[in-house]
Every structure is written in C-alpha cells, then in structure tokens.
Amino acid sequence: MKDEFASRIDEIMMRIDSGDRLGFYECERFIELIPAFTEKHSTPDTRRFLEYLGSPDCKMKIIHVAGTNGKGSVCNYLSEILRQTGFSVGMFTSPHLIKLTERFCINGKPIEDNIFCEIFAGLMLRIREYDKKEYFPTYFEFLFFMAMMLYDKYTVDYLVLETGLGGRLDATNSVHKPMLDVITEIGMDHMQYLGNTISEIAAEKAGIIRENTPLVFLNKRDVSTEVIEKRATELGSKIYRVEPSYAFDIKPEPDDAGNICIDFSYESKYDKYCGLRIQTVAKFQTENAAIAIMSARALMDMGVPITEEDIRFGLRKAKWGGRMELVLPGIYVDGAHNVDGMEAFLDSVREIPCQGHRYLLFGAVSDKQYHLMIRQILEENLFDRVFISVLETSRTVSEAQLKAAIESETARLEREVNTKFVYYGSVRDALMDILTERGVGDVVFAAGSLYLVGQVRESLGIMPGN
C-alpha cells in the first residue's frame, strides 16, 4: 500500500479513535482516493472478508440483479412492488448520479449522511482489525461491504442487490445464497473486462446464477439466452424466461397532471395484466417492467404474498432518475452509455413531440464505445444542434478525442451532415448556452453517460428524488 494512502488511513483512524465525528464529504473524499491505491481481489478474498464481518448476507433475503442495461430500473420497479406489499426494502445500486448516498436506499430513499458516516467508520475499524497484511478493499468492494454492514444494522425484509460491473467476479457475487437471481438485457459493454462477444459477456453475467436458485432473465438475444439457460440448467435452477413480447399494447398517455406516461399490458404463461402504467416516456422501460413482473411471479411461487394490485401500484409509483427522465419542462436526461442504450434513447427521442428544434448535450467516458454512439447520433440525424462537453471525471473523453471521433464518423457517411456541433469544457457552460438559445417548442436531451446526467441535474439544482 502506498505511503500516501497509508498516511490518509492513519489520519482517518486517529479521528475515529479519538471519537471525532467524520463529516460526509471527508468520508466521500477518502473513498474517492481508493481506486488509485488498491487492486481488485478474488471472489474468495471478498467472501473471506464478508465472513469476517459475520456473514451478514446470510441473514438477508437477497434478490441479485445483473445484466448490461436496465439493472437499476428493474431493481427500482421490483423494490416498489415489494414496498406496496408492505415489506421494508433495501436497494444497493450503482452508479450514483450526484451523491454516494444514492447507492444505499431504504424504502426508496437514500440513507442520511450521518448513517453513511457511521457505517464508513465502522467498516474502517473492521478493516484495521482484519488480520491480513496490506489488505484494503477496492472502491466498489468498500461500498459493497458498507451495504452489507448497513442492512445488517438497519434491517430490511428484502435487499435488492445490483452487481457493479459483471457478475461472476463481481464483489456482490460473494454473498452466500440469494433467494432469486435476475439477469436483464445482455449487450456490448465493458468488453475490456467481460469479453468481446455477447456469449462471453453473457457467461460473465450468468456467473451470478446459484445452484437451485430460481432465475429470471430477458430473452433478448438467442446467443445470450443459450449461455444463460445452459448454466441455469446445469445448476438445477428454475427458469423464468421473459420475452420482450410479454409487454404489448404500448402507448404514451398523459397522467392527471399532463405528464406523459407509458401504458401497456402484460401477458406470460403465468400472468395477465391490462392497463399497467409506468412513469416514463421511454417505451423500452416496458421490458424492464416485464422483468420486474416476472420476478414478482417467481417470488410469489416461493410464497411471498404479492398481489396484482401490488404490482400495478408498485410500477405506477416507481421513479428512476436519469433514465429518459423529464427533469424540467422540455428537458430530458438519459443515462444511455453504450450502443444498445443509445439505440433505445434515440427510439424514445422520435416518440417525443417537438414543435421546434431538438438539441442534444453529449458527453462520454473513455472506456465506452463513444465512437459508435456518435455514429448512431449522426446516422439518425434527429438533432439540429449537438453540444459536446467534457465531463468532470478523470474517465472523461477529451475535447480533442470527441472532435476526432465526430470528424471520423462524419467522413464515413455518404451524405452531407447539417447538424452543427459545438464544444465545451464543462457541462455547466454547455447547459447555460443551451438554455439561452432554446426557444419556444424546442426540446433538449442529454445522453451519453450517467456522469453527464448527474452533472446536468446538479447544474440545474435538481437533486435525486426531486
């Protein structure tokens, strides 16, 4: 462990030992230092430390969710369904949009700063006590262990646990026995870690499947379905396959306040529901809602007393920030950060009425397929002007890289590109110019990264949950 990080640990521990109360932002600053000084541990290493914490997961009813796209939405829909049933529900998700506390929810609300700091200090003490020289968790492992300690102390009836990056080697896969495994859409993302083909990525995601544990998954691509079902069959897991066609009669409708929602029906071999509603303009979210409905069916088969009304009202009440979210009149933000997500975003853009110009604010991080996302934007030709911004993160794509990608992808097209591109060094500056130029009837969109979504919301003064 590098001297600089060790010195910071000593400083934090002295504060804790002296009884000082740590503030949220100093805890956050320490956590943000972690990636520079630690390396990922094996699943057995992670499980050993989890067992040192007393195996808190063994006392929890855990629903484990993996996939490429839609994980957070499925977690949110299912959590709301369980809450409607009368249960208390914890939800651990990633990433956060603005504040780390968003990752740790109890009954739909991020935990308070003082609880975050309390759990942080408790985990630091346990790491010091752990008899393994130079052991320190990675960034995501640290947050995962915080979640385990949090939901052990502040108990919930169910914990909906989202994987971070993959599945098989994910820190969350160190839990001993989830009651249900869920896999959402499989697509091309994080190829440097998970593989370069859909089947390789599916195999990593399928690593969460446990022996004799029911599995719900989306049958979106034959090649991923083959991998997932093969693994589930080998492990004796009951399979609940969700077909995209289970959600049908999909149409946008205004609610009582005039906001556009999506109404749809659902039918599988288990259940049939008519007149369901979700609070979004994005039709693609019906697939995630269908996964949540099927997950509810799997839980019902295990004896959980979920009713049709719980499903109906749970879906209707669920809100999930940053996924085709209307943050202000005429301003939508979406966390599309890979090719599949961008395709779904662009499909949604077509559906949204626009009486004037369409503007797009775009930013991306360097480990994503930003070249291909730019290609999709150019090919669809939906926007009159695209505002390109560098993001406030060390992972951002630089302005020079973005310019080079746009020039390269423009040259590929066999037609003239009329879209005007404008470049900015910050999301705030880009957003201020957009709001200044925006006229009556114009619609503004922001997409390309969840970092971008968070920075847009923060620039507008809109905190999560608002």
Protein backbone atom coordinates (compact mmCIF):
# COMPACT_ATOMS: atom_id res chain seq x y z
CA MET A 1 0.00 0.00 0.00
CA LYS A 2 1.46 3.35 -0.99
CA ASP A 3 2.69 5.65 1.76
CA GLU A 4 0.31 8.46 0.80
CA PHE A 5 -2.76 6.23 1.15
CA ALA A 6 -1.45 4.59 4.32
CA SER A 7 -0.95 8.05 5.82
CA ARG A 8 -4.53 9.02 4.95
CA ILE A 9 -5.80 5.80 6.55
CA ASP A 10 -3.84 6.55 9.73
CA GLU A 11 -5.27 10.07 9.81
CA ILE A 12 -8.86 8.78 9.45
CA MET A 13 -8.31 6.09 12.10
CA MET A 14 -6.89 8.61 14.58
CA ARG A 15 -10.03 10.70 14.11
CA ILE A 16 -12.27 7.69 14.67
CA ASP A 17 -10.30 6.52 17.74
CA SER A 18 -10.48 9.98 19.28
CA GLY A 19 -14.25 9.97 18.97
CA ASP A 20 -14.41 12.71 16.34
CA ARG A 21 -17.45 12.65 14.11
CA LEU A 22 -16.43 12.38 10.49
CA GLY A 23 -18.31 14.55 8.03
CA PHE A 24 -19.88 13.14 4.90
CA TYR A 25 -17.59 14.97 2.49
CA GLU A 26 -14.39 13.83 4.20
CA CYS A 27 -15.67 10.24 4.08
CA GLU A 28 -16.51 10.73 0.42
CA ARG A 29 -13.11 12.24 -0.37
CA PHE A 30 -11.38 9.26 1.23
CA ILE A 31 -13.49 6.78 -0.76
CA GLU A 32 -12.72 8.63 -3.98
CA LEU A 33 -9.00 8.11 -3.27
CA ILE A 34 -9.35 4.33 -3.12
CA PRO A 35 -9.14 3.50 -6.87
CA ALA A 36 -5.65 4.97 -7.13
CA PHE A 37 -4.22 2.73 -4.44
CA THR A 38 -5.95 -0.65 -4.49
CA GLU A 39 -6.42 -3.61 -6.80
CA LYS A 40 -9.37 -5.95 -7.24
CA HIS A 41 -9.47 -9.05 -5.04
CA SER A 42 -10.69 -12.50 -5.95
CA THR A 43 -14.20 -13.61 -5.02
CA PRO A 44 -12.81 -15.94 -2.30
CA ASP A 45 -10.88 -12.97 -0.87
CA THR A 46 -14.03 -10.86 -0.84
CA ARG A 47 -16.04 -13.68 0.71
CA ARG A 48 -13.44 -14.19 3.42
CA PHE A 49 -13.73 -10.57 4.48
CA LEU A 50 -17.52 -10.77 4.29
CA GLU A 51 -17.36 -13.78 6.60
CA TYR A 52 -15.05 -11.79 8.90
CA LEU A 53 -17.86 -9.23 9.12
CA GLY A 54 -20.05 -12.05 10.42
CA SER A 55 -21.62 -13.14 7.12
CA PRO A 56 -24.42 -10.58 7.41
CA ASP A 57 -25.70 -11.63 3.99
CA CYS A 58 -26.76 -14.99 5.40
CA LYS A 59 -29.45 -13.24 7.44
CA MET A 60 -30.81 -11.35 4.43
CA LYS A 61 -33.34 -12.19 1.74
CA ILE A 62 -31.35 -11.07 -1.28
CA ILE A 63 -32.53 -10.59 -4.86
CA HIS A 64 -29.40 -10.41 -7.00
CA VAL A 65 -29.62 -8.47 -10.28
CA ALA A 66 -27.08 -8.50 -13.14
CA GLY A 67 -27.12 -7.51 -16.81
CA THR A 68 -25.83 -4.89 -19.23
CA ASN A 69 -28.77 -2.49 -19.47
CA GLY A 70 -31.79 -1.95 -17.25
CA LYS A 71 -30.42 -3.32 -13.95
CA GLY A 72 -31.20 -0.21 -11.95
CA SER A 73 -34.67 0.15 -13.45
CA VAL A 74 -35.54 -3.47 -12.66
CA CYS A 75 -34.21 -3.06 -9.10
CA ASN A 76 -36.36 0.03 -8.68
CA TYR A 77 -39.56 -1.48 -10.11
CA LEU A 78 -39.21 -4.64 -8.04
CA SER A 79 -38.41 -2.69 -4.88
CA GLU A 80 -41.56 -0.62 -5.30
CA ILE A 81 -43.67 -3.73 -5.87
CA LEU A 82 -42.32 -5.25 -2.64
CA ARG A 83 -42.92 -2.00 -0.77
CA GLN A 84 -46.52 -1.96 -1.96
CA THR A 85 -46.86 -5.44 -0.48
CA GLY A 86 -45.94 -3.94 2.89
CA PHE A 87 -42.30 -5.02 3.15
CA SER A 88 -39.33 -2.86 4.05
CA VAL A 89 -36.83 -2.94 1.19
CA GLY A 90 -33.16 -2.09 0.86
CA MET A 91 -31.64 -1.38 -2.53
CA PHE A 92 -27.93 -1.23 -3.34
CA THR A 93 -27.27 0.12 -6.85
CA SER A 94 -24.59 1.87 -8.88
CA PRO A 95 -23.50 4.28 -10.06
CA HIS A 96 -24.82 7.34 -8.27
CA LEU A 97 -25.82 10.47 -10.17
CA ILE A 98 -24.73 13.16 -7.70
CA LYS A 99 -24.12 11.78 -4.21
CA LEU A 100 -22.75 8.47 -2.91
CA THR A 101 -25.67 8.03 -0.53
CA GLU A 102 -27.91 7.36 -3.56
CA ARG A 103 -26.37 3.89 -3.80
CA PHE A 104 -27.82 2.88 -0.43
CA CYS A 105 -31.60 3.15 -0.28
CA ILE A 106 -34.04 2.08 2.41
CA ASN A 107 -37.68 2.13 1.39
CA GLY A 108 -36.98 4.23 -1.67
CA LYS A 109 -34.88 6.92 -0.02
CA PRO A 110 -31.08 7.36 0.11
CA ILE A 111 -29.64 6.99 3.58
CA GLU A 112 -28.86 10.09 5.63
CA ASP A 113 -25.33 11.48 5.73
CA ASN A 114 -24.90 10.63 9.42
CA ILE A 115 -25.75 6.97 8.80
CA PHE A 116 -23.34 6.86 5.87
CA CYS A 117 -20.55 8.23 8.09
CA GLU A 118 -21.43 5.82 10.89
CA ILE A 119 -21.17 2.79 8.60
CA PHE A 120 -18.00 4.17 6.99
CA ALA A 121 -16.29 4.48 10.38
CA GLY A 122 -17.45 1.00 11.39
CA LEU A 123 -16.02 -0.55 8.23
CA MET A 124 -12.69 1.25 8.65
CA LEU A 125 -12.37 -0.24 12.14
CA ARG A 126 -13.12 -3.76 10.85
CA ILE A 127 -10.57 -3.40 8.04
CA ARG A 128 -7.91 -2.42 10.59
CA GLU A 129 -8.80 -5.41 12.77
CA TYR A 130 -8.64 -7.82 9.84
CA ASP A 131 -5.54 -9.97 10.11
CA LYS A 132 -4.41 -9.72 6.50
CA LYS A 133 -1.33 -7.63 5.79
CA GLU A 134 -1.84 -4.81 3.31
CA TYR A 135 -5.48 -5.77 2.69
CA PHE A 136 -7.75 -2.94 1.65
CA PRO A 137 -10.93 -3.24 -0.44
CA THR A 138 -11.27 -1.63 -3.86
CA TYR A 139 -13.70 1.25 -4.37
CA PHE A 140 -16.67 -0.96 -5.24
CA GLU A 141 -15.76 -3.63 -2.68
CA PHE A 142 -15.65 -0.94 0.01
CA LEU A 143 -19.13 0.30 -0.91
CA PHE A 144 -20.44 -3.27 -1.08
CA PHE A 145 -19.11 -4.02 2.42
CA MET A 146 -20.70 -0.79 3.63
CA ALA A 147 -24.01 -2.04 2.18
CA MET A 148 -23.67 -5.36 3.99
CA MET A 149 -22.97 -3.62 7.29
CA LEU A 150 -25.74 -1.08 6.71
CA TYR A 151 -28.50 -3.61 6.01
CA ASP A 152 -27.25 -5.78 8.87
CA LYS A 153 -27.71 -2.92 11.34
CA TYR A 154 -30.72 -1.25 9.73
CA THR A 155 -32.55 -4.42 8.79
CA VAL A 156 -34.98 -4.74 5.89
CA ASP A 157 -37.28 -7.55 4.80
CA TYR A 158 -35.69 -7.77 1.34
CA LEU A 159 -32.46 -6.50 -0.18
CA VAL A 160 -32.35 -5.86 -3.92
CA LEU A 161 -28.67 -6.09 -4.77
CA GLU A 162 -27.33 -4.87 -8.11
CA THR A 163 -24.00 -6.07 -9.44
CA GLY A 164 -21.39 -3.47 -10.25
CA LEU A 165 -19.61 -4.38 -13.45
CA GLY A 166 -20.06 -8.01 -14.33
CA GLY A 167 -21.37 -10.99 -12.43
CA ARG A 168 -19.04 -13.94 -11.95
CA LEU A 169 -16.19 -11.89 -10.45
CA ASP A 170 -18.30 -9.07 -9.04
CA ALA A 171 -17.93 -8.27 -5.35
CA THR A 172 -21.66 -8.79 -4.85
CA ASN A 173 -21.24 -12.39 -6.00
CA SER A 174 -19.53 -13.14 -2.70
CA VAL A 175 -22.93 -13.35 -0.97
CA HIS A 176 -23.67 -16.90 0.04
CA LYS A 177 -27.21 -17.64 -1.15
CA PRO A 178 -29.56 -15.17 -2.85
CA MET A 179 -33.20 -16.19 -2.93
CA LEU A 180 -33.61 -15.05 -6.57
CA ASP A 181 -31.25 -14.26 -9.45
CA VAL A 182 -32.26 -11.81 -12.17
CA ILE A 183 -30.44 -11.05 -15.44
CA THR A 184 -31.54 -8.13 -17.60
CA GLU A 185 -30.62 -7.37 -21.22
CA ILE A 186 -27.15 -8.51 -22.31
CA GLY A 187 -25.26 -6.20 -24.66
CA MET A 188 -21.80 -4.99 -25.60
CA ASP A 189 -20.25 -3.04 -22.74
CA HIS A 190 -17.13 -3.28 -20.54
CA MET A 191 -15.56 -5.55 -23.14
CA GLN A 192 -12.08 -4.96 -21.70
CA TYR A 193 -13.23 -6.86 -18.61
CA LEU A 194 -16.04 -9.16 -19.73
CA GLY A 195 -15.17 -10.33 -23.26
CA ASN A 196 -15.60 -9.25 -26.85
CA THR A 197 -18.69 -11.24 -27.79
CA ILE A 198 -22.25 -11.42 -26.49
CA SER A 199 -21.72 -15.04 -25.47
CA GLU A 200 -18.59 -14.19 -23.45
CA ILE A 201 -20.35 -11.31 -21.72
CA ALA A 202 -23.42 -13.47 -21.06
CA ALA A 203 -21.19 -16.11 -19.46
CA GLU A 204 -19.81 -13.48 -17.06
CA LYS A 205 -23.29 -12.22 -16.19
CA ALA A 206 -24.53 -15.81 -15.77
CA GLY A 207 -21.87 -16.21 -13.09
CA ILE A 208 -24.39 -14.94 -10.53
CA ILE A 209 -26.63 -18.00 -11.03
CA ARG A 210 -26.55 -20.23 -7.95
CA GLU A 211 -27.46 -23.87 -7.53
CA ASN A 212 -31.22 -24.45 -7.12
CA THR A 213 -31.87 -20.70 -7.05
CA PRO A 214 -34.69 -19.51 -9.34
CA LEU A 215 -33.57 -17.37 -12.28
CA VAL A 216 -35.48 -14.65 -14.13
CA PHE A 217 -33.90 -13.39 -17.35
CA LEU A 218 -34.75 -11.47 -20.52
CA ASN A 219 -34.69 -13.49 -23.72
CA LYS A 220 -33.49 -10.64 -25.96
CA ARG A 221 -30.72 -12.35 -27.92
CA ASP A 222 -30.53 -16.04 -28.81
CA VAL A 223 -26.79 -16.26 -28.23
CA SER A 224 -27.01 -14.93 -24.66
CA THR A 225 -30.11 -17.00 -23.90
CA GLU A 226 -28.28 -20.17 -24.87
CA VAL A 227 -25.43 -19.41 -22.47
CA ILE A 228 -27.69 -18.37 -19.60
CA GLU A 229 -30.12 -21.28 -19.88
CA LYS A 230 -27.29 -23.79 -20.17
CA ARG A 231 -25.73 -22.53 -16.96
CA ALA A 232 -29.07 -22.43 -15.11
CA THR A 233 -29.92 -25.97 -16.21
CA GLU A 234 -26.52 -27.26 -15.03
CA LEU A 235 -27.21 -25.75 -11.61
CA GLY A 236 -30.77 -27.01 -11.32
CA SER A 237 -32.27 -23.52 -11.25
CA LYS A 238 -35.92 -22.99 -12.12
CA ILE A 239 -36.00 -20.73 -15.18
CA TYR A 240 -38.45 -17.86 -15.69
CA ARG A 241 -37.87 -16.59 -19.20
CA VAL A 242 -39.14 -13.10 -20.06
CA GLU A 243 -40.00 -12.49 -23.71
CA PRO A 244 -39.96 -8.89 -24.99
CA SER A 245 -43.41 -9.62 -26.44
CA TYR A 246 -44.86 -10.06 -22.93
CA ALA A 247 -45.25 -6.27 -22.83
CA PHE A 248 -47.66 -5.17 -25.56
CA ASP A 249 -50.25 -2.54 -26.47
CA ILE A 250 -47.61 0.03 -25.52
CA LYS A 251 -48.69 3.65 -25.87
CA PRO A 252 -47.91 7.05 -24.35
CA GLU A 253 -50.73 8.60 -22.32
CA PRO A 254 -50.93 11.75 -20.16
CA ASP A 255 -51.48 11.40 -16.43
CA ASP A 256 -53.75 13.67 -14.38
CA ALA A 257 -51.02 16.34 -14.24
CA GLY A 258 -50.48 16.23 -18.01
CA ASN A 259 -47.17 14.35 -17.84
CA ILE A 260 -46.63 11.69 -20.47
CA CYS A 261 -46.51 8.13 -19.09
CA ILE A 262 -46.39 4.74 -20.79
CA ASP A 263 -49.43 2.48 -20.59
CA PHE A 264 -49.09 -1.18 -21.54
CA SER A 265 -50.42 -4.67 -20.99
CA TYR A 266 -48.52 -7.78 -19.96
CA GLU A 267 -49.15 -11.45 -20.59
CA SER A 268 -47.00 -14.52 -19.91
CA LYS A 269 -47.80 -18.15 -19.29
CA TYR A 270 -48.16 -17.24 -15.60
CA ASP A 271 -50.00 -13.91 -15.51
CA LYS A 272 -52.03 -11.40 -17.49
CA TYR A 273 -52.40 -7.72 -16.58
CA CYS A 274 -54.12 -4.96 -18.55
CA GLY A 275 -53.79 -1.22 -18.17
CA LEU A 276 -50.41 -1.05 -16.44
CA ARG A 277 -48.66 2.31 -16.24
CA ILE A 278 -45.05 3.41 -15.68
CA GLN A 279 -43.87 6.98 -15.11
CA THR A 280 -41.61 7.46 -18.12
CA VAL A 281 -41.73 8.48 -21.77
CA ALA A 282 -39.43 5.58 -22.69
CA LYS A 283 -41.19 2.61 -24.25
CA PHE A 284 -38.09 0.46 -23.70
CA GLN A 285 -38.79 0.55 -19.97
CA THR A 286 -41.70 -1.83 -20.51
CA GLU A 287 -39.14 -4.62 -20.93
CA ASN A 288 -37.62 -3.79 -17.56
CA ALA A 289 -41.08 -3.60 -16.03
CA ALA A 290 -41.82 -7.04 -17.53
CA ILE A 291 -38.67 -8.43 -15.87
CA ALA A 292 -39.85 -7.00 -12.55
CA ILE A 293 -43.30 -8.52 -13.00
CA MET A 294 -41.79 -11.92 -13.74
CA SER A 295 -39.50 -11.53 -10.71
CA ALA A 296 -42.60 -10.86 -8.62
CA ARG A 297 -44.13 -14.06 -10.03
CA ALA A 298 -41.03 -16.04 -9.04
CA LEU A 299 -41.27 -14.62 -5.52
CA MET A 300 -44.98 -15.44 -5.37
CA ASP A 301 -44.15 -19.02 -6.28
CA MET A 302 -41.86 -19.00 -3.23
CA GLY A 303 -44.74 -17.88 -1.02
CA VAL A 304 -44.24 -14.11 -0.99
CA PRO A 305 -47.79 -12.64 -0.81
CA ILE A 306 -47.60 -10.20 -3.74
CA THR A 307 -50.95 -9.29 -5.32
CA GLU A 308 -51.94 -7.88 -8.71
CA GLU A 309 -52.65 -4.55 -7.03
CA ASP A 310 -49.16 -4.52 -5.52
CA ILE A 311 -47.67 -4.97 -8.98
CA ARG A 312 -49.98 -2.40 -10.55
CA PHE A 313 -49.36 0.32 -7.95
CA GLY A 314 -45.69 -0.53 -7.48
CA LEU A 315 -44.99 0.06 -11.17
CA ARG A 316 -47.11 3.20 -11.21
CA LYS A 317 -45.28 4.74 -8.23
CA ALA A 318 -41.74 3.83 -9.29
CA LYS A 319 -39.46 6.66 -10.40
CA TRP A 320 -35.88 6.10 -11.50
CA GLY A 321 -33.74 9.14 -12.13
CA GLY A 322 -31.65 9.60 -15.23
CA ARG A 323 -33.48 7.13 -17.47
CA MET A 324 -35.32 9.21 -20.08
CA GLU A 325 -36.23 11.47 -17.20
CA LEU A 326 -38.07 14.76 -17.67
CA VAL A 327 -36.12 16.99 -15.26
CA LEU A 328 -37.72 20.28 -16.36
CA PRO A 329 -40.37 21.04 -18.99
CA GLY A 330 -38.84 20.17 -22.35
CA ILE A 331 -35.55 18.86 -20.89
CA TYR A 332 -34.88 15.11 -20.80
CA VAL A 333 -31.83 13.28 -19.45
CA ASP A 334 -30.93 9.66 -20.16
CA GLY A 335 -28.03 7.54 -18.96
CA ALA A 336 -27.52 5.80 -22.33
CA HIS A 337 -23.82 4.91 -22.26
CA ASN A 338 -23.46 2.07 -24.74
CA VAL A 339 -24.73 1.10 -28.19
CA ASP A 340 -27.90 -0.64 -27.01
CA GLY A 341 -28.70 2.16 -24.59
CA MET A 342 -28.17 4.80 -27.29
CA GLU A 343 -30.42 2.91 -29.71
CA ALA A 344 -33.19 2.82 -27.10
CA PHE A 345 -32.63 6.51 -26.31
CA LEU A 346 -32.89 7.54 -29.97
CA ASP A 347 -36.06 5.45 -30.37
CA SER A 348 -37.56 7.38 -27.45
CA VAL A 349 -36.48 10.74 -28.89
CA ARG A 350 -38.51 10.01 -32.04
CA GLU A 351 -41.61 9.48 -29.92
CA ILE A 352 -41.43 12.77 -28.04
CA PRO A 353 -43.38 15.61 -29.69
CA CYS A 354 -41.23 18.58 -30.74
CA GLN A 355 -42.64 21.77 -32.22
CA GLY A 356 -39.25 23.42 -32.68
CA HIS A 357 -35.61 22.31 -32.63
CA ARG A 358 -34.13 19.26 -30.97
CA TYR A 359 -30.89 19.88 -29.10
CA LEU A 360 -28.58 17.18 -27.72
CA LEU A 361 -25.98 17.56 -24.98
CA PHE A 362 -23.49 14.67 -25.29
CA GLY A 363 -20.54 13.58 -23.17
CA ALA A 364 -18.92 10.19 -22.60
CA VAL A 365 -16.22 8.37 -20.68
CA SER A 366 -13.21 6.87 -22.37
CA ASP A 367 -13.87 3.19 -21.64
CA LYS A 368 -17.19 3.26 -23.52
CA GLN A 369 -17.85 2.90 -27.26
CA TYR A 370 -18.25 6.62 -27.76
CA HIS A 371 -17.23 6.37 -31.44
CA LEU A 372 -20.18 4.07 -32.10
CA MET A 373 -22.59 6.20 -30.09
CA ILE A 374 -21.54 9.24 -32.13
CA ARG A 375 -22.09 7.19 -35.29
CA GLN A 376 -25.62 6.36 -34.17
CA ILE A 377 -26.36 10.03 -33.46
CA LEU A 378 -25.10 11.07 -36.89
CA GLU A 379 -26.92 8.32 -38.75
CA GLU A 380 -30.27 9.08 -37.12
CA ASN A 381 -29.97 12.83 -37.83
CA LEU A 382 -32.55 13.75 -35.18
CA PHE A 383 -30.86 16.83 -33.71
CA ASP A 384 -30.43 20.30 -35.13
CA ARG A 385 -27.51 21.02 -32.86
CA VAL A 386 -25.28 18.81 -30.71
CA PHE A 387 -23.48 20.34 -27.74
CA ILE A 388 -20.39 18.27 -26.95
CA SER A 389 -18.99 18.52 -23.43
CA VAL A 390 -16.04 17.21 -21.45
CA LEU A 391 -17.23 15.63 -18.19
CA GLU A 392 -15.99 16.31 -14.67
CA THR A 393 -14.38 12.93 -14.12
CA SER A 394 -10.92 11.51 -14.70
CA ARG A 395 -12.53 8.99 -17.08
CA THR A 396 -13.88 11.63 -19.47
CA VAL A 397 -13.23 11.65 -23.19
CA SER A 398 -11.26 14.79 -24.01
CA GLU A 399 -12.47 17.51 -26.36
CA ALA A 400 -9.76 16.54 -28.87
CA GLN A 401 -10.86 12.89 -28.81
CA LEU A 402 -14.51 13.86 -29.25
CA LYS A 403 -13.66 16.14 -32.19
CA ALA A 404 -11.60 13.42 -33.83
CA ALA A 405 -14.40 10.88 -33.40
CA ILE A 406 -17.01 13.21 -34.87
CA GLU A 407 -14.78 14.06 -37.83
CA SER A 408 -14.05 10.38 -38.43
CA GLU A 409 -17.68 9.30 -38.21
CA THR A 410 -18.86 12.23 -40.34
CA ALA A 411 -16.41 11.20 -43.06
CA ARG A 412 -17.93 7.70 -43.09
CA LEU A 413 -21.37 8.99 -44.04
CA GLU A 414 -22.28 9.13 -47.71
CA ARG A 415 -24.30 12.31 -47.26
CA GLU A 416 -23.86 15.84 -46.02
CA VAL A 417 -24.21 16.38 -42.28
CA ASN A 418 -26.22 19.50 -41.46
CA THR A 419 -26.03 19.08 -37.69
CA LYS A 420 -23.93 21.76 -36.03
CA PHE A 421 -21.51 20.64 -33.32
CA VAL A 422 -20.40 22.98 -30.53
CA TYR A 423 -17.72 22.06 -27.99
CA TYR A 424 -17.47 22.93 -24.29
CA GLY A 425 -15.06 22.33 -21.46
CA SER A 426 -17.81 21.80 -18.89
CA VAL A 427 -21.39 20.56 -18.73
CA ARG A 428 -22.48 23.70 -16.87
CA ASP A 429 -21.19 26.01 -19.62
CA ALA A 430 -22.82 23.92 -22.34
CA LEU A 431 -26.10 23.78 -20.46
CA MET A 432 -26.19 27.54 -19.88
CA ASP A 433 -25.74 28.18 -23.61
CA ILE A 434 -28.44 25.65 -24.46
CA LEU A 435 -30.91 27.30 -22.10
CA THR A 436 -30.03 30.71 -23.51
CA GLU A 437 -30.54 29.62 -27.14
CA ARG A 438 -33.58 27.48 -26.51
CA GLY A 439 -36.82 28.81 -27.96
CA VAL A 440 -40.50 28.02 -27.52
CA GLY A 441 -41.20 24.49 -28.72
CA ASP A 442 -37.56 23.36 -28.59
CA VAL A 443 -36.76 20.12 -26.76
CA VAL A 444 -33.41 19.45 -25.08
CA PHE A 445 -31.92 16.00 -24.48
CA ALA A 446 -28.77 14.91 -22.62
CA ALA A 447 -27.27 11.45 -23.10
CA GLY A 448 -24.00 9.54 -23.32
CA SER A 449 -23.12 8.87 -19.69
CA LEU A 450 -24.66 8.72 -16.23
CA TYR A 451 -21.90 11.12 -15.20
CA LEU A 452 -23.41 13.58 -17.67
CA VAL A 453 -26.88 13.04 -16.24
CA GLY A 454 -25.65 13.74 -12.72
CA GLN A 455 -23.80 16.87 -13.79
CA VAL A 456 -26.84 18.19 -15.69
CA ARG A 457 -29.07 17.62 -12.68
CA GLU A 458 -26.54 19.23 -10.38
CA SER A 459 -26.16 22.25 -12.69
CA LEU A 460 -29.92 22.68 -12.67
CA GLY A 461 -30.08 22.31 -8.90
CA ILE A 462 -32.13 19.13 -9.12
CA MET A 463 -31.14 16.58 -6.50
CA PRO A 464 -32.07 12.88 -6.71
CA GLY A 465 -35.61 12.26 -5.59
CA ASN A 466 -36.78 15.70 -6.74
